Amino acid sequence: MKEKVRIKSFPKGLTLLLDDQAPFDDLLKEVAEKFREGKNFFGKETVALSFSGRKLSDEEELQLMDCIQYNCYLKILCIVEKNPEQEKLFMKILRLAEARMLFEVDVDQEVQVFRGSLQDGEELETPTDVIIFGDVAAGCSIVSEKNVLVLGSLYGKAAAGFHGDGRKHMIAAMEMTPESLTIGDFKYEPPKRSKWGKKKKEAFQVARIQEDAIVVEELTKEHLRDF
């Protein structure tokens, strides 16, 4: 019997190879079965997820992600496009974060790493660089004297470099749809969100100061040199 779902790995991630003719409900059932049977093999890693072989809607992608997490111990950090440059950048960011991650919240003179999402109005303030393995929900805020890196979606408020004008500091996120951004003395009010909902980003975004204003652009390896 032909497999409807095959699983391939890449560094810190998994790709689901999906039959483009099978009913979607059949794909969900096979994904649930494969990850339920292999949950001890996959372990408790935090991974990125990508899809191949079939065009999926955003809702179908989320259903597959939830199905995986329900049937095994994996935590899916994000859904990524299978783009070689983006994959290399994702790996560089993960190595940067994991090199310093010892506890749930690890504080030293260089960086604070927070595993999990900020929710329900939570606020996090730190004098160091900060890396968040999760989302910053609307109504929440993250404040750093240095840089902010969100390995998830930034929907709330973020501030970086709040001592001085912040020209050397940045705020980066895998999805950048914040309520507001502040870097040093500069403020950025993002465009109003579309009534049709959040727009899915295909690349990391970074906010930084350029010519006395905050600009938001695609994150590159060059930006990480300052983190």
C-alpha atoms as a PDB file:
ATOM      1  CA  MET A   1       0.000   0.000   0.000  1.00  0.00           C
ATOM      2  CA  LYS A   2       1.401   3.358  -1.037  1.00  0.00           C
ATOM      3  CA  GLU A   3       2.387   5.665   1.799  1.00  0.00           C
ATOM      4  CA  LYS A   4       0.484   8.944   1.767  1.00  0.00           C
ATOM      5  CA  VAL A   5       2.976  10.597   4.125  1.00  0.00           C
ATOM      6  CA  ARG A   6       6.748  10.291   4.327  1.00  0.00           C
ATOM      7  CA  ILE A   7       8.929  12.041   6.879  1.00  0.00           C
ATOM      8  CA  LYS A   8      12.394  13.386   6.135  1.00  0.00           C
ATOM      9  CA  SER A   9      14.665  15.265   8.499  1.00  0.00           C
ATOM     10  CA  PHE A  10      16.905  18.252   8.030  1.00  0.00           C
ATOM     11  CA  PRO A  11      19.013  19.900  10.752  1.00  0.00           C
ATOM     12  CA  LYS A  12      16.637  20.902  13.552  1.00  0.00           C
ATOM     13  CA  GLY A  13      13.604  20.247  11.402  1.00  0.00           C
ATOM     14  CA  LEU A  14      11.261  17.793   9.684  1.00  0.00           C
ATOM     15  CA  THR A  15       9.734  17.781   6.221  1.00  0.00           C
ATOM     16  CA  LEU A  16       6.464  15.996   5.504  1.00  0.00           C
ATOM     17  CA  LEU A  17       6.309  14.641   1.944  1.00  0.00           C
ATOM     18  CA  LEU A  18       2.590  14.530   1.199  1.00  0.00           C
ATOM     19  CA  ASP A  19       0.640  12.664  -1.464  1.00  0.00           C
ATOM     20  CA  ASP A  20      -1.022  15.322  -3.613  1.00  0.00           C
ATOM     21  CA  GLN A  21      -3.976  13.069  -4.516  1.00  0.00           C
ATOM     22  CA  ALA A  22      -4.987  11.681  -1.123  1.00  0.00           C
ATOM     23  CA  PRO A  23      -7.937  13.202   0.761  1.00  0.00           C
ATOM     24  CA  PHE A  24      -6.678  15.572   3.446  1.00  0.00           C
ATOM     25  CA  ASP A  25      -8.434  13.622   6.224  1.00  0.00           C
ATOM     26  CA  ASP A  26      -6.475  10.525   5.191  1.00  0.00           C
ATOM     27  CA  LEU A  27      -3.236  12.514   5.474  1.00  0.00           C
ATOM     28  CA  LEU A  28      -4.162  13.619   8.985  1.00  0.00           C
ATOM     29  CA  LYS A  29      -4.872  10.033  10.048  1.00  0.00           C
ATOM     30  CA  GLU A  30      -1.557   8.793   8.678  1.00  0.00           C
ATOM     31  CA  VAL A  31       0.380  11.660  10.261  1.00  0.00           C
ATOM     32  CA  ALA A  32      -1.254  10.924  13.620  1.00  0.00           C
ATOM     33  CA  GLU A  33      -0.391   7.229  13.343  1.00  0.00           C
ATOM     34  CA  LYS A  34       3.240   7.779  12.308  1.00  0.00           C
ATOM     35  CA  PHE A  35       4.010  10.273  15.053  1.00  0.00           C
ATOM     36  CA  ARG A  36       2.097   8.357  17.703  1.00  0.00           C
ATOM     37  CA  GLU A  37       4.054   5.187  16.928  1.00  0.00           C
ATOM     38  CA  GLY A  38       7.360   7.058  16.687  1.00  0.00           C
ATOM     39  CA  LYS A  39       6.980   9.460  19.599  1.00  0.00           C
ATOM     40  CA  ASN A  40       9.832   7.902  21.573  1.00  0.00           C
ATOM     41  CA  PHE A  41      12.068   8.028  18.502  1.00  0.00           C
ATOM     42  CA  PHE A  42      11.328  11.711  17.840  1.00  0.00           C
ATOM     43  CA  GLY A  43      11.797  12.624  21.506  1.00  0.00           C
ATOM     44  CA  LYS A  44      11.156  16.066  22.990  1.00  0.00           C
ATOM     45  CA  GLU A  45      13.043  18.199  20.496  1.00  0.00           C
ATOM     46  CA  THR A  46      12.042  21.673  19.350  1.00  0.00           C
ATOM     47  CA  VAL A  47      11.950  21.624  15.563  1.00  0.00           C
ATOM     48  CA  ALA A  48      10.899  23.522  12.460  1.00  0.00           C
ATOM     49  CA  LEU A  49       8.353  21.946  10.133  1.00  0.00           C
ATOM     50  CA  SER A  50       8.054  22.158   6.354  1.00  0.00           C
ATOM     51  CA  PHE A  51       5.864  20.522   3.728  1.00  0.00           C
ATOM     52  CA  SER A  52       6.540  19.184   0.256  1.00  0.00           C
ATOM     53  CA  GLY A  53       4.610  17.558  -2.580  1.00  0.00           C
ATOM     54  CA  ARG A  54       1.283  19.273  -2.011  1.00  0.00           C
ATOM     55  CA  LYS A  55      -0.109  22.785  -1.867  1.00  0.00           C
ATOM     56  CA  LEU A  56      -1.662  23.411   1.542  1.00  0.00           C
ATOM     57  CA  SER A  57      -3.800  26.198   2.915  1.00  0.00           C
ATOM     58  CA  ASP A  58      -2.734  27.956   6.125  1.00  0.00           C
ATOM     59  CA  GLU A  59      -5.518  26.117   7.976  1.00  0.00           C
ATOM     60  CA  GLU A  60      -4.342  22.730   6.696  1.00  0.00           C
ATOM     61  CA  GLU A  61      -0.768  23.503   7.750  1.00  0.00           C
ATOM     62  CA  LEU A  62      -1.949  24.365  11.259  1.00  0.00           C
ATOM     63  CA  GLN A  63      -4.074  21.204  11.455  1.00  0.00           C
ATOM     64  CA  LEU A  64      -1.050  19.079  10.550  1.00  0.00           C
ATOM     65  CA  MET A  65       1.142  20.907  13.068  1.00  0.00           C
ATOM     66  CA  ASP A  66      -1.438  20.423  15.847  1.00  0.00           C
ATOM     67  CA  CYS A  67      -1.849  16.765  14.873  1.00  0.00           C
ATOM     68  CA  ILE A  68       1.895  16.156  15.241  1.00  0.00           C
ATOM     69  CA  GLN A  69       2.163  17.900  18.601  1.00  0.00           C
ATOM     70  CA  TYR A  70      -0.906  16.080  19.947  1.00  0.00           C
ATOM     71  CA  ASN A  71       0.490  12.653  19.055  1.00  0.00           C
ATOM     72  CA  CYS A  72       4.115  12.983  20.179  1.00  0.00           C
ATOM     73  CA  TYR A  73       6.432  15.016  22.411  1.00  0.00           C
ATOM     74  CA  LEU A  74       7.825  17.319  19.723  1.00  0.00           C
ATOM     75  CA  LYS A  75       7.428  21.073  20.013  1.00  0.00           C
ATOM     76  CA  ILE A  76       7.094  22.730  16.623  1.00  0.00           C
ATOM     77  CA  LEU A  77       8.680  26.144  16.729  1.00  0.00           C
ATOM     78  CA  CYS A  78       7.525  27.262  13.304  1.00  0.00           C
ATOM     79  CA  ILE A  79       6.491  26.279   9.810  1.00  0.00           C
ATOM     80  CA  VAL A  80       9.163  27.255   7.287  1.00  0.00           C
ATOM     81  CA  GLU A  81       9.475  27.377   3.535  1.00  0.00           C
ATOM     82  CA  LYS A  82      12.052  24.951   2.141  1.00  0.00           C
ATOM     83  CA  ASN A  83      14.403  27.671   1.029  1.00  0.00           C
ATOM     84  CA  PRO A  84      18.137  26.867   1.342  1.00  0.00           C
ATOM     85  CA  GLU A  85      19.125  30.359   2.454  1.00  0.00           C
ATOM     86  CA  GLN A  86      16.330  30.581   5.007  1.00  0.00           C
ATOM     87  CA  GLU A  87      17.217  27.113   6.291  1.00  0.00           C
ATOM     88  CA  LYS A  88      20.847  28.162   6.841  1.00  0.00           C
ATOM     89  CA  LEU A  89      19.747  31.307   8.621  1.00  0.00           C
ATOM     90  CA  PHE A  90      17.305  29.363  10.803  1.00  0.00           C
ATOM     91  CA  MET A  91      20.109  26.993  11.801  1.00  0.00           C
ATOM     92  CA  LYS A  92      22.433  29.871  12.662  1.00  0.00           C
ATOM     93  CA  ILE A  93      19.806  31.420  14.931  1.00  0.00           C
ATOM     94  CA  LEU A  94      19.060  28.111  16.664  1.00  0.00           C
ATOM     95  CA  ARG A  95      22.751  27.471  17.295  1.00  0.00           C
ATOM     96  CA  LEU A  96      23.105  30.970  18.707  1.00  0.00           C
ATOM     97  CA  ALA A  97      20.217  30.392  21.105  1.00  0.00           C
ATOM     98  CA  GLU A  98      20.947  26.801  22.106  1.00  0.00           C
ATOM     99  CA  ALA A  99      24.587  27.549  22.854  1.00  0.00           C
ATOM    100  CA  ARG A 100      23.389  29.630  25.813  1.00  0.00           C
ATOM    101  CA  MET A 101      20.257  27.703  26.835  1.00  0.00           C
ATOM    102  CA  LEU A 102      20.819  25.904  30.139  1.00  0.00           C
ATOM    103  CA  PHE A 103      17.539  26.390  31.999  1.00  0.00           C
ATOM    104  CA  GLU A 104      13.985  27.555  31.254  1.00  0.00           C
ATOM    105  CA  VAL A 105      15.193  31.098  31.819  1.00  0.00           C
ATOM    106  CA  ASP A 106      18.945  31.491  31.778  1.00  0.00           C
ATOM    107  CA  VAL A 107      20.438  34.869  32.675  1.00  0.00           C
ATOM    108  CA  ASP A 108      24.082  35.821  32.334  1.00  0.00           C
ATOM    109  CA  GLN A 109      25.993  38.903  31.249  1.00  0.00           C
ATOM    110  CA  GLU A 110      25.305  38.275  27.557  1.00  0.00           C
ATOM    111  CA  VAL A 111      21.812  36.944  26.934  1.00  0.00           C
ATOM    112  CA  GLN A 112      18.552  35.880  28.506  1.00  0.00           C
ATOM    113  CA  VAL A 113      16.810  32.903  26.906  1.00  0.00           C
ATOM    114  CA  PHE A 114      13.101  32.413  27.549  1.00  0.00           C
ATOM    115  CA  ARG A 115      11.493  29.129  26.492  1.00  0.00           C
ATOM    116  CA  GLY A 116       7.793  29.563  25.889  1.00  0.00           C
ATOM    117  CA  SER A 117       5.386  32.252  24.757  1.00  0.00           C
ATOM    118  CA  LEU A 118       4.445  35.462  26.551  1.00  0.00           C
ATOM    119  CA  GLN A 119       0.679  35.413  27.057  1.00  0.00           C
ATOM    120  CA  ASP A 120      -2.123  37.007  29.086  1.00  0.00           C
ATOM    121  CA  GLY A 121      -0.491  40.425  29.419  1.00  0.00           C
ATOM    122  CA  GLU A 122       2.910  39.095  30.557  1.00  0.00           C
ATOM    123  CA  GLU A 123       5.883  41.460  30.484  1.00  0.00           C
ATOM    124  CA  LEU A 124       9.575  40.616  30.312  1.00  0.00           C
ATOM    125  CA  GLU A 125      12.327  43.178  30.919  1.00  0.00           C
ATOM    126  CA  THR A 126      16.056  42.477  30.839  1.00  0.00           C
ATOM    127  CA  PRO A 127      19.344  44.410  30.685  1.00  0.00           C
ATOM    128  CA  THR A 128      20.773  41.814  28.273  1.00  0.00           C
ATOM    129  CA  ASP A 129      20.102  40.495  24.800  1.00  0.00           C
ATOM    130  CA  VAL A 130      16.997  38.305  24.897  1.00  0.00           C
ATOM    131  CA  ILE A 131      15.917  35.316  22.799  1.00  0.00           C
ATOM    132  CA  ILE A 132      12.347  34.044  23.084  1.00  0.00           C
ATOM    133  CA  PHE A 133      11.503  30.504  21.943  1.00  0.00           C
ATOM    134  CA  GLY A 134       7.837  31.214  21.314  1.00  0.00           C
ATOM    135  CA  ASP A 135       5.419  34.033  20.560  1.00  0.00           C
ATOM    136  CA  VAL A 136       4.810  37.428  22.122  1.00  0.00           C
ATOM    137  CA  ALA A 137       1.021  37.658  22.179  1.00  0.00           C
ATOM    138  CA  ALA A 138      -0.975  40.851  21.738  1.00  0.00           C
ATOM    139  CA  GLY A 139      -1.124  42.755  25.028  1.00  0.00           C
ATOM    140  CA  CYS A 140       2.289  41.438  26.126  1.00  0.00           C
ATOM    141  CA  SER A 141       5.623  43.251  26.011  1.00  0.00           C
ATOM    142  CA  ILE A 142       9.320  42.481  25.829  1.00  0.00           C
ATOM    143  CA  VAL A 143      11.908  45.127  26.775  1.00  0.00           C
ATOM    144  CA  SER A 144      15.683  44.787  26.435  1.00  0.00           C
ATOM    145  CA  GLU A 145      18.539  47.219  26.907  1.00  0.00           C
ATOM    146  CA  LYS A 146      20.150  45.471  23.945  1.00  0.00           C
ATOM    147  CA  ASN A 147      18.585  43.245  21.225  1.00  0.00           C
ATOM    148  CA  VAL A 148      15.365  41.222  21.001  1.00  0.00           C
ATOM    149  CA  LEU A 149      15.074  38.010  18.968  1.00  0.00           C
ATOM    150  CA  VAL A 150      11.694  36.248  18.856  1.00  0.00           C
ATOM    151  CA  LEU A 151      11.758  32.720  17.427  1.00  0.00           C
ATOM    152  CA  GLY A 152       8.048  32.899  16.826  1.00  0.00           C
ATOM    153  CA  SER A 153       5.494  35.629  16.146  1.00  0.00           C
ATOM    154  CA  LEU A 154       5.671  39.133  17.600  1.00  0.00           C
ATOM    155  CA  TYR A 155       2.110  40.421  18.044  1.00  0.00           C
ATOM    156  CA  GLY A 156       2.612  42.514  21.198  1.00  0.00           C
ATOM    157  CA  LYS A 157       5.000  45.358  22.034  1.00  0.00           C
ATOM    158  CA  ALA A 158       8.797  45.217  21.870  1.00  0.00           C
ATOM    159  CA  ALA A 159      11.505  47.675  22.894  1.00  0.00           C
ATOM    160  CA  ALA A 160      15.272  47.403  22.431  1.00  0.00           C
ATOM    161  CA  GLY A 161      18.255  49.610  23.253  1.00  0.00           C
ATOM    162  CA  PHE A 162      16.237  51.738  25.654  1.00  0.00           C
ATOM    163  CA  HIS A 163      19.390  53.449  27.019  1.00  0.00           C
ATOM    164  CA  GLY A 164      20.612  55.873  24.350  1.00  0.00           C
ATOM    165  CA  ASP A 165      19.395  56.174  20.782  1.00  0.00           C
ATOM    166  CA  GLY A 166      19.658  52.422  20.098  1.00  0.00           C
ATOM    167  CA  ARG A 167      21.365  52.736  16.709  1.00  0.00           C
ATOM    168  CA  LYS A 168      23.308  49.502  17.237  1.00  0.00           C
ATOM    169  CA  HIS A 169      20.324  47.485  18.406  1.00  0.00           C
ATOM    170  CA  MET A 170      17.545  45.567  16.684  1.00  0.00           C
ATOM    171  CA  ILE A 171      14.314  43.631  17.132  1.00  0.00           C
ATOM    172  CA  ALA A 172      13.868  40.481  15.030  1.00  0.00           C
ATOM    173  CA  ALA A 173      11.025  37.987  14.730  1.00  0.00           C
ATOM    174  CA  MET A 174       9.875  35.177  12.473  1.00  0.00           C
ATOM    175  CA  GLU A 175       6.585  37.028  12.035  1.00  0.00           C
ATOM    176  CA  MET A 176       6.623  40.764  12.663  1.00  0.00           C
ATOM    177  CA  THR A 177       3.088  42.080  13.239  1.00  0.00           C
ATOM    178  CA  PRO A 178       3.562  44.042  16.496  1.00  0.00           C
ATOM    179  CA  GLU A 179       1.359  46.523  18.283  1.00  0.00           C
ATOM    180  CA  SER A 180       4.364  48.841  18.527  1.00  0.00           C
ATOM    181  CA  LEU A 181       8.150  48.852  18.329  1.00  0.00           C
ATOM    182  CA  THR A 182      10.617  51.095  20.168  1.00  0.00           C
ATOM    183  CA  ILE A 183      14.362  51.160  19.591  1.00  0.00           C
ATOM    184  CA  GLY A 184      16.203  53.682  21.730  1.00  0.00           C
ATOM    185  CA  ASP A 185      14.489  57.038  21.299  1.00  0.00           C
ATOM    186  CA  PHE A 186      12.747  56.006  18.087  1.00  0.00           C
ATOM    187  CA  LYS A 187       9.217  54.659  17.842  1.00  0.00           C
ATOM    188  CA  TYR A 188       7.553  52.728  15.045  1.00  0.00           C
ATOM    189  CA  GLU A 189       3.821  52.419  14.641  1.00  0.00           C
ATOM    190  CA  PRO A 190       3.148  49.545  12.238  1.00  0.00           C
ATOM    191  CA  PRO A 191       0.415  49.776   9.601  1.00  0.00           C
ATOM    192  CA  LYS A 192      -3.048  48.837  10.779  1.00  0.00           C
ATOM    193  CA  ARG A 193      -3.713  45.147  10.463  1.00  0.00           C
ATOM    194  CA  SER A 194      -5.916  44.060   7.616  1.00  0.00           C
ATOM    195  CA  LYS A 195      -9.494  43.156   8.480  1.00  0.00           C
ATOM    196  CA  TRP A 196      -8.772  39.874   6.699  1.00  0.00           C
ATOM    197  CA  GLY A 197      -6.384  38.825   9.488  1.00  0.00           C
ATOM    198  CA  LYS A 198      -2.658  38.326   9.899  1.00  0.00           C
ATOM    199  CA  LYS A 199      -0.524  37.972   6.814  1.00  0.00           C
ATOM    200  CA  LYS A 200       1.802  35.010   6.869  1.00  0.00           C
ATOM    201  CA  LYS A 201       5.470  35.999   6.581  1.00  0.00           C
ATOM    202  CA  GLU A 202       7.845  33.891   4.546  1.00  0.00           C
ATOM    203  CA  ALA A 203      11.071  35.226   6.066  1.00  0.00           C
ATOM    204  CA  PHE A 204      12.487  36.495   9.340  1.00  0.00           C
ATOM    205  CA  GLN A 205      11.965  40.228   9.784  1.00  0.00           C
ATOM    206  CA  VAL A 206      14.210  42.708  11.588  1.00  0.00           C
ATOM    207  CA  ALA A 207      13.532  46.222  12.828  1.00  0.00           C
ATOM    208  CA  ARG A 208      16.515  48.571  13.152  1.00  0.00           C
ATOM    209  CA  ILE A 209      17.348  52.259  12.963  1.00  0.00           C
ATOM    210  CA  GLN A 210      18.286  53.649   9.591  1.00  0.00           C
ATOM    211  CA  GLU A 211      18.551  57.374   8.863  1.00  0.00           C
ATOM    212  CA  ASP A 212      16.795  58.422  12.083  1.00  0.00           C
ATOM    213  CA  ALA A 213      13.841  56.093  11.634  1.00  0.00           C
ATOM    214  CA  ILE A 214      12.975  52.475  12.379  1.00  0.00           C
ATOM    215  CA  VAL A 215      12.808  50.338   9.262  1.00  0.00           C
ATOM    216  CA  VAL A 216      11.557  46.748   9.027  1.00  0.00           C
ATOM    217  CA  GLU A 217      13.207  44.456   6.505  1.00  0.00           C
ATOM    218  CA  GLU A 218      14.154  40.843   5.875  1.00  0.00           C
ATOM    219  CA  LEU A 219      16.686  39.490   8.361  1.00  0.00           C
ATOM    220  CA  THR A 220      20.054  38.493   6.891  1.00  0.00           C
ATOM    221  CA  LYS A 221      23.176  36.856   8.308  1.00  0.00           C
ATOM    222  CA  GLU A 222      24.835  40.258   8.417  1.00  0.00           C
ATOM    223  CA  HIS A 223      22.294  41.471  10.986  1.00  0.00           C
ATOM    224  CA  LEU A 224      23.200  38.594  13.319  1.00  0.00           C
ATOM    225  CA  ARG A 225      26.785  39.809  13.612  1.00  0.00           C
ATOM    226  CA  ASP A 226      25.517  42.543  15.923  1.00  0.00           C
ATOM    227  CA  PHE A 227      23.541  40.156  18.147  1.00  0.00           C
END
